[in-house]
Amino acid sequence: MNRADDDDADMLLSVNLDQLRGFAEVALTGHFTRAAEQLHLAQPSLSRQIATLERELGVELFHRVRGNVALTSAGERLLPLARRMLADAETARSEMAEMAGLRRGRIRLGATPTLCTSLVVDVLAEFHERYPGIDIEILERGSRSLIAALMEGALDLALIVTSVGAGEARAVLDREPILSERLVAVSAADRPDPFAAAPDETQRAVTIAELAGVPQIVFPENYDLRVAMDAAYRAAGLTPVVAVEGVEMDAALRFAERGIGVAVVPAMVAVDRPKLRATPLAGAALTRTVSLARRSDMAPTHASAALQAMTREVADRLAASGSATATLVSRVGG
């Protein structure tokens, strides 16, 4: 933008959009009365608008001769600027209306790796079908990293599974529990069951002591599941047998399918995987709570509020179907 454009912009700071709209309509029609009719204004009101505009700008914008109206040189210079400002204002109004109407927008969502392969998949599939114009950026991290990202303002919303440790985080973090989920041990469906029940027993839940004696596929130390299972083994005074250590979720599931060992995963992850056998773990401590988290000192956007509602909806549906999947999930407070 050159200096002349800067001067024009400074000159227009005190001008309102109604004045510019009136000016542009008079320039288009060449007549005050017809312009007033198009703008649904009384002709004297429009004349006052133009007079005020000319007074504020310090120039005459129209030649007025015997009812004929023509732009002065100042009016000719102002007209493209006025049209551009009116177009920009309309664009801004349209985009804000679209965001409010959930036709456009962007959400920064954080989720743990296990939730990205289960709950988040269902949520995003339905959300994109309902709101195709809203973009979602995913950050896949452990719960502690997601909490830090929320605190820094890098996320709008996060799905976490661990409690908050820092006092500052507790003060400004709003957490809404949405699911309580059992953990299961998955093993190869085409291999002998390492937790086979006695001939006169139906499938039973496996104790932590039984689990510790079976070769396991273990996640990295920063995984929430790894932290939870290590704590459970320490509390029971047990040391598990480790077959493979440090693998991510997808690799752990594939290793379990090939019979390399068993992996402890959230129940939702094991659904619809015919190559895996899922055996529930005994004990109320071997469950996890999934929560929606956001900063309580930041108002949610229309888009993020819609995503929260969609997540609750999918979580409720998963909970309702729990009886058909060995009570994999149950609604918190339900």
Protein backbone atom coordinates (compact mmCIF):
# COMPACT_ATOMS: atom_id res chain seq x y z
CA MET A 1 0.00 0.00 0.00
CA ASN A 2 1.44 3.41 -0.98
CA ARG A 3 1.33 6.65 1.00
CA ALA A 4 -1.81 7.88 -0.77
CA ASP A 5 -3.62 4.70 0.23
CA ASP A 6 -2.47 5.14 3.84
CA ASP A 7 -3.86 8.68 3.83
CA ASP A 8 -7.16 7.45 2.40
CA ALA A 9 -7.41 4.76 5.10
CA ASP A 10 -6.70 7.31 7.87
CA MET A 11 -9.29 9.65 6.39
CA LEU A 12 -11.97 6.94 6.50
CA LEU A 13 -11.46 5.88 10.12
CA SER A 14 -14.26 8.16 11.36
CA VAL A 15 -16.66 7.18 8.57
CA ASN A 16 -19.40 4.65 9.27
CA LEU A 17 -20.66 1.96 6.92
CA ASP A 18 -24.12 3.51 6.55
CA GLN A 19 -22.58 6.69 5.20
CA LEU A 20 -20.45 4.75 2.73
CA ARG A 21 -23.41 2.64 1.69
CA GLY A 22 -25.48 5.76 1.03
CA PHE A 23 -22.65 7.39 -0.90
CA ALA A 24 -22.13 4.30 -3.08
CA GLU A 25 -25.86 4.03 -3.84
CA VAL A 26 -26.14 7.68 -4.85
CA ALA A 27 -23.09 7.26 -7.08
CA LEU A 28 -24.70 4.21 -8.68
CA THR A 29 -28.15 5.69 -9.28
CA GLY A 30 -27.08 9.31 -9.86
CA HIS A 31 -30.14 10.42 -7.89
CA PHE A 32 -30.78 10.98 -4.19
CA THR A 33 -34.46 10.02 -4.27
CA ARG A 34 -33.93 6.74 -6.12
CA ALA A 35 -30.95 5.89 -3.88
CA ALA A 36 -33.07 6.54 -0.79
CA GLU A 37 -35.75 4.19 -2.11
CA GLN A 38 -33.20 1.44 -2.71
CA LEU A 39 -31.85 1.85 0.84
CA HIS A 40 -35.35 2.09 2.38
CA LEU A 41 -34.53 5.53 3.79
CA ALA A 42 -36.32 8.85 3.69
CA GLN A 43 -34.65 11.14 1.17
CA PRO A 44 -33.87 13.86 3.79
CA SER A 45 -32.11 11.22 5.97
CA LEU A 46 -29.93 10.13 3.09
CA SER A 47 -29.11 13.75 2.25
CA ARG A 48 -28.05 14.33 5.87
CA GLN A 49 -25.83 11.22 5.76
CA ILE A 50 -24.04 12.48 2.64
CA ALA A 51 -23.70 15.98 4.05
CA THR A 52 -22.21 14.59 7.28
CA LEU A 53 -19.83 12.42 5.26
CA GLU A 54 -18.66 15.39 3.21
CA ARG A 55 -18.21 17.48 6.35
CA GLU A 56 -16.16 14.76 8.09
CA LEU A 57 -13.98 14.20 5.02
CA GLY A 58 -13.65 17.90 4.31
CA VAL A 59 -14.50 17.57 0.60
CA GLU A 60 -17.50 17.70 -1.70
CA LEU A 61 -18.37 14.31 -3.16
CA PHE A 62 -21.13 15.29 -5.60
CA HIS A 63 -21.87 18.09 -8.03
CA ARG A 64 -25.54 18.99 -7.53
CA VAL A 65 -26.94 20.93 -10.50
CA ARG A 66 -30.71 21.21 -11.08
CA GLY A 67 -31.44 17.79 -9.63
CA ASN A 68 -28.59 16.07 -11.45
CA VAL A 69 -25.90 14.41 -9.35
CA ALA A 70 -22.37 13.68 -10.53
CA LEU A 71 -19.24 12.65 -8.68
CA THR A 72 -16.54 15.23 -8.03
CA SER A 73 -12.90 14.21 -8.40
CA ALA A 74 -12.84 13.50 -4.65
CA GLY A 75 -16.00 11.37 -5.03
CA GLU A 76 -14.42 9.42 -7.88
CA ARG A 77 -11.39 8.67 -5.71
CA LEU A 78 -13.54 7.65 -2.75
CA LEU A 79 -15.89 5.33 -4.66
CA PRO A 80 -13.56 2.32 -5.14
CA LEU A 81 -12.39 2.64 -1.54
CA ALA A 82 -15.97 2.72 -0.30
CA ARG A 83 -16.93 -0.31 -2.36
CA ARG A 84 -13.93 -2.25 -1.08
CA MET A 85 -14.72 -1.39 2.54
CA LEU A 86 -18.35 -2.40 2.08
CA ALA A 87 -17.30 -5.69 0.47
CA ASP A 88 -14.84 -6.42 3.29
CA ALA A 89 -17.51 -5.68 5.88
CA GLU A 90 -19.92 -8.06 4.15
CA THR A 91 -17.26 -10.76 3.95
CA ALA A 92 -16.53 -10.41 7.66
CA ARG A 93 -20.22 -10.52 8.52
CA SER A 94 -20.76 -13.58 6.33
CA GLU A 95 -17.82 -15.48 7.77
CA MET A 96 -18.83 -14.75 11.35
CA ALA A 97 -22.38 -15.87 10.57
CA GLU A 98 -21.06 -19.08 9.03
CA MET A 99 -18.97 -19.84 12.09
CA ALA A 100 -21.92 -19.17 14.36
CA GLY A 101 -24.01 -21.41 12.16
CA LEU A 102 -21.33 -24.14 12.23
CA ARG A 103 -20.71 -23.96 8.49
CA ARG A 104 -17.07 -22.97 8.86
CA GLY A 105 -14.51 -23.10 11.63
CA ARG A 106 -11.52 -24.89 13.10
CA ILE A 107 -11.05 -26.94 16.24
CA ARG A 108 -7.77 -28.02 17.84
CA LEU A 109 -8.47 -31.38 19.51
CA GLY A 110 -6.07 -33.38 21.63
CA ALA A 111 -6.50 -37.09 22.40
CA THR A 112 -4.46 -39.96 23.75
CA PRO A 113 -3.23 -42.60 21.27
CA THR A 114 -5.69 -45.24 22.50
CA LEU A 115 -8.63 -42.85 22.16
CA CYS A 116 -7.48 -41.85 18.66
CA THR A 117 -7.91 -45.47 17.57
CA SER A 118 -11.33 -45.91 19.19
CA LEU A 119 -13.66 -43.17 20.48
CA VAL A 120 -12.18 -40.33 18.41
CA VAL A 121 -12.66 -42.25 15.15
CA ASP A 122 -16.41 -42.56 15.71
CA VAL A 123 -16.75 -38.98 16.94
CA LEU A 124 -14.92 -37.42 13.99
CA ALA A 125 -16.72 -39.55 11.39
CA GLU A 126 -20.11 -38.37 12.62
CA PHE A 127 -18.95 -34.78 13.24
CA HIS A 128 -17.60 -34.36 9.70
CA GLU A 129 -20.81 -35.77 8.27
CA ARG A 130 -22.88 -33.26 10.25
CA TYR A 131 -20.50 -30.27 9.98
CA PRO A 132 -18.38 -30.80 6.85
CA GLY A 133 -17.09 -27.22 6.75
CA ILE A 134 -15.34 -27.37 10.14
CA ASP A 135 -11.68 -28.41 10.12
CA ILE A 136 -10.25 -30.40 13.01
CA GLU A 137 -6.56 -30.43 13.89
CA ILE A 138 -5.53 -33.45 16.00
CA LEU A 139 -2.72 -33.56 18.56
CA GLU A 140 -2.02 -37.15 19.65
CA ARG A 141 -0.16 -37.23 22.99
CA GLY A 142 -0.35 -38.66 26.49
CA SER A 143 -2.74 -37.04 28.95
CA ARG A 144 -0.07 -35.02 30.76
CA SER A 145 1.19 -33.52 27.49
CA LEU A 146 -2.37 -32.72 26.44
CA ILE A 147 -3.04 -30.96 29.74
CA ALA A 148 0.11 -28.88 29.22
CA ALA A 149 -1.06 -27.98 25.70
CA LEU A 150 -4.45 -26.92 27.05
CA MET A 151 -2.77 -24.75 29.67
CA GLU A 152 -0.66 -23.08 26.97
CA GLY A 153 -3.74 -22.35 24.85
CA ALA A 154 -2.56 -24.68 22.06
CA LEU A 155 -5.75 -26.79 22.21
CA ASP A 156 -9.45 -26.02 22.35
CA LEU A 157 -10.48 -29.40 23.73
CA ALA A 158 -8.81 -32.63 24.85
CA LEU A 159 -9.83 -36.18 25.65
CA ILE A 160 -7.72 -37.31 28.60
CA VAL A 161 -7.61 -40.33 30.90
CA THR A 162 -5.44 -39.25 33.83
CA SER A 163 -5.98 -36.97 36.78
CA VAL A 164 -4.43 -33.53 36.93
CA GLY A 165 -1.39 -33.19 39.13
CA ALA A 166 -0.59 -29.48 39.18
CA GLY A 167 -2.58 -27.08 41.35
CA GLU A 168 -2.57 -24.45 38.61
CA ALA A 169 -4.10 -26.93 36.17
CA ARG A 170 -6.82 -27.86 38.64
CA ALA A 171 -7.69 -24.19 39.03
CA VAL A 172 -8.36 -23.47 35.36
CA LEU A 173 -9.10 -26.87 33.85
CA ASP A 174 -12.68 -28.02 33.42
CA ARG A 175 -12.90 -31.82 33.23
CA GLU A 176 -16.10 -33.69 32.42
CA PRO A 177 -16.00 -37.48 32.88
CA ILE A 178 -17.87 -39.16 30.04
CA LEU A 179 -16.91 -42.84 30.19
CA SER A 180 -15.62 -45.41 32.64
CA GLU A 181 -13.97 -48.21 30.70
CA ARG A 182 -12.68 -51.66 31.59
CA LEU A 183 -9.18 -52.73 30.61
CA VAL A 184 -8.78 -56.05 28.80
CA ALA A 185 -5.89 -58.35 27.96
CA VAL A 186 -5.83 -59.12 24.23
CA SER A 187 -4.22 -62.23 22.79
CA ALA A 188 -4.20 -64.06 19.46
CA ALA A 189 -7.64 -65.52 18.72
CA ASP A 190 -6.12 -68.45 16.74
CA ARG A 191 -3.76 -69.50 19.55
CA PRO A 192 -4.52 -71.27 22.85
CA ASP A 193 -6.08 -68.96 25.38
CA PRO A 194 -3.41 -68.05 27.97
CA PHE A 195 -6.21 -67.45 30.49
CA ALA A 196 -8.34 -70.49 29.64
CA ALA A 197 -11.06 -71.18 32.16
CA ALA A 198 -11.64 -74.61 33.65
CA PRO A 199 -13.95 -76.85 31.59
CA ASP A 200 -16.86 -76.16 33.94
CA GLU A 201 -16.31 -72.38 33.95
CA THR A 202 -17.41 -69.64 31.61
CA GLN A 203 -14.95 -66.88 30.70
CA ARG A 204 -13.83 -65.08 33.83
CA ALA A 205 -11.93 -61.93 34.60
CA VAL A 206 -8.16 -62.32 34.98
CA THR A 207 -6.41 -61.23 38.16
CA ILE A 208 -3.33 -59.03 38.17
CA ALA A 209 -1.28 -61.98 39.49
CA GLU A 210 -2.37 -64.21 36.58
CA LEU A 211 -1.64 -61.46 34.11
CA ALA A 212 1.88 -60.89 35.48
CA GLY A 213 2.86 -64.46 34.66
CA VAL A 214 2.06 -64.23 30.92
CA PRO A 215 4.56 -62.67 28.43
CA GLN A 216 3.40 -59.15 27.72
CA ILE A 217 3.70 -56.47 25.07
CA VAL A 218 4.41 -53.27 26.98
CA PHE A 219 3.86 -49.68 25.89
CA PRO A 220 6.41 -46.82 26.27
CA GLU A 221 6.86 -45.38 29.75
CA ASN A 222 5.04 -42.16 28.86
CA TYR A 223 1.83 -44.02 27.94
CA ASP A 224 -0.99 -43.53 30.42
CA LEU A 225 -1.73 -47.26 30.25
CA ARG A 226 1.88 -48.11 31.03
CA VAL A 227 1.84 -45.79 34.03
CA ALA A 228 -1.43 -47.33 35.31
CA MET A 229 -0.28 -50.93 34.87
CA ASP A 230 3.15 -50.29 36.43
CA ALA A 231 1.38 -48.79 39.45
CA ALA A 232 -0.96 -51.81 39.69
CA TYR A 233 1.98 -54.26 39.60
CA ARG A 234 3.91 -52.31 42.23
CA ALA A 235 0.88 -52.18 44.50
CA ALA A 236 0.55 -55.97 44.22
CA GLY A 237 4.29 -56.56 44.68
CA LEU A 238 4.55 -58.15 41.23
CA THR A 239 6.99 -57.95 38.31
CA PRO A 240 5.43 -58.83 34.94
CA VAL A 241 7.04 -61.03 32.31
CA VAL A 242 7.89 -58.75 29.36
CA ALA A 243 8.07 -60.07 25.79
CA VAL A 244 8.36 -56.72 23.96
CA GLU A 245 8.67 -53.22 25.42
CA GLY A 246 8.21 -49.70 24.07
CA VAL A 247 5.83 -50.29 21.16
CA GLU A 248 2.97 -48.01 20.09
CA MET A 249 -0.68 -49.11 20.03
CA ASP A 250 -0.92 -50.31 16.41
CA ALA A 251 2.23 -52.39 16.74
CA ALA A 252 1.12 -53.83 20.09
CA LEU A 253 -2.16 -55.03 18.59
CA ARG A 254 -0.40 -56.63 15.61
CA PHE A 255 2.14 -58.34 17.87
CA ALA A 256 -0.71 -59.69 20.00
CA GLU A 257 -2.46 -61.00 16.86
CA ARG A 258 0.69 -62.93 15.98
CA GLY A 259 0.90 -64.53 19.42
CA ILE A 260 4.06 -62.74 20.57
CA GLY A 261 2.41 -61.89 23.88
CA VAL A 262 -0.63 -60.27 25.43
CA ALA A 263 -1.29 -56.54 25.60
CA VAL A 264 -3.43 -54.68 28.10
CA VAL A 265 -5.62 -52.17 26.25
CA PRO A 266 -8.86 -50.25 26.82
CA ALA A 267 -11.92 -52.31 26.00
CA MET A 268 -12.99 -50.02 23.15
CA VAL A 269 -9.75 -50.68 21.28
CA ALA A 270 -10.48 -54.41 21.16
CA VAL A 271 -13.94 -54.07 19.60
CA ASP A 272 -14.35 -55.35 16.00
CA ARG A 273 -10.93 -57.03 15.91
CA PRO A 274 -11.66 -60.67 15.02
CA LYS A 275 -8.00 -61.71 15.23
CA LEU A 276 -7.86 -60.79 18.89
CA ARG A 277 -9.36 -62.44 21.97
CA ALA A 278 -10.25 -59.93 24.72
CA THR A 279 -10.24 -61.07 28.34
CA PRO A 280 -11.44 -58.61 31.00
CA LEU A 281 -9.21 -57.79 33.97
CA ALA A 282 -10.51 -58.25 37.48
CA GLY A 283 -10.62 -55.42 40.00
CA ALA A 284 -12.22 -51.99 40.01
CA ALA A 285 -8.75 -50.38 39.93
CA LEU A 286 -8.13 -51.80 36.44
CA THR A 287 -10.50 -49.37 34.77
CA ARG A 288 -9.98 -45.90 33.40
CA THR A 289 -12.11 -42.79 33.19
CA VAL A 290 -12.20 -40.82 29.96
CA SER A 291 -12.82 -37.10 30.40
CA LEU A 292 -13.40 -34.11 28.17
CA ALA A 293 -11.11 -31.28 29.24
CA ARG A 294 -10.92 -27.60 28.35
CA ARG A 295 -9.76 -24.39 29.97
CA SER A 296 -12.51 -23.02 32.20
CA ASP A 297 -11.27 -19.44 31.74
CA MET A 298 -11.82 -19.55 27.95
CA ALA A 299 -15.33 -19.58 26.50
CA PRO A 300 -15.80 -22.44 23.98
CA THR A 301 -16.44 -21.54 20.36
CA HIS A 302 -19.64 -22.69 18.69
CA ALA A 303 -17.62 -25.34 16.85
CA SER A 304 -15.87 -26.74 19.92
CA ALA A 305 -19.16 -26.77 21.86
CA ALA A 306 -20.70 -28.79 19.03
CA LEU A 307 -17.77 -31.24 19.15
CA GLN A 308 -18.20 -31.64 22.91
CA ALA A 309 -21.88 -32.43 22.41
CA MET A 310 -21.07 -34.93 19.66
CA THR A 311 -18.49 -36.64 21.89
CA ARG A 312 -21.02 -37.01 24.70
CA GLU A 313 -23.54 -38.40 22.22
CA VAL A 314 -21.14 -41.05 20.92
CA ALA A 315 -19.99 -41.92 24.45
CA ASP A 316 -23.60 -42.42 25.57
CA ARG A 317 -24.23 -44.69 22.61
CA LEU A 318 -21.13 -46.76 23.39
CA ALA A 319 -22.25 -47.05 26.99
CA ALA A 320 -25.74 -48.14 25.95
CA SER A 321 -24.27 -50.91 23.80
CA GLY A 322 -22.05 -52.14 26.63
CA SER A 323 -24.26 -55.10 27.50
CA ALA A 324 -23.73 -56.47 23.99
CA THR A 325 -19.96 -56.22 24.32
CA ALA A 326 -19.29 -57.71 27.76
CA THR A 327 -20.00 -54.36 29.50
CA LEU A 328 -17.01 -52.74 27.87
CA VAL A 329 -18.03 -49.26 28.88
CA SER A 330 -20.43 -47.63 31.31
CA ARG A 331 -21.60 -44.03 31.52
CA VAL A 332 -20.17 -42.11 34.44
CA GLY A 333 -22.98 -41.14 36.77
CA GLY A 334 -25.41 -43.25 34.76
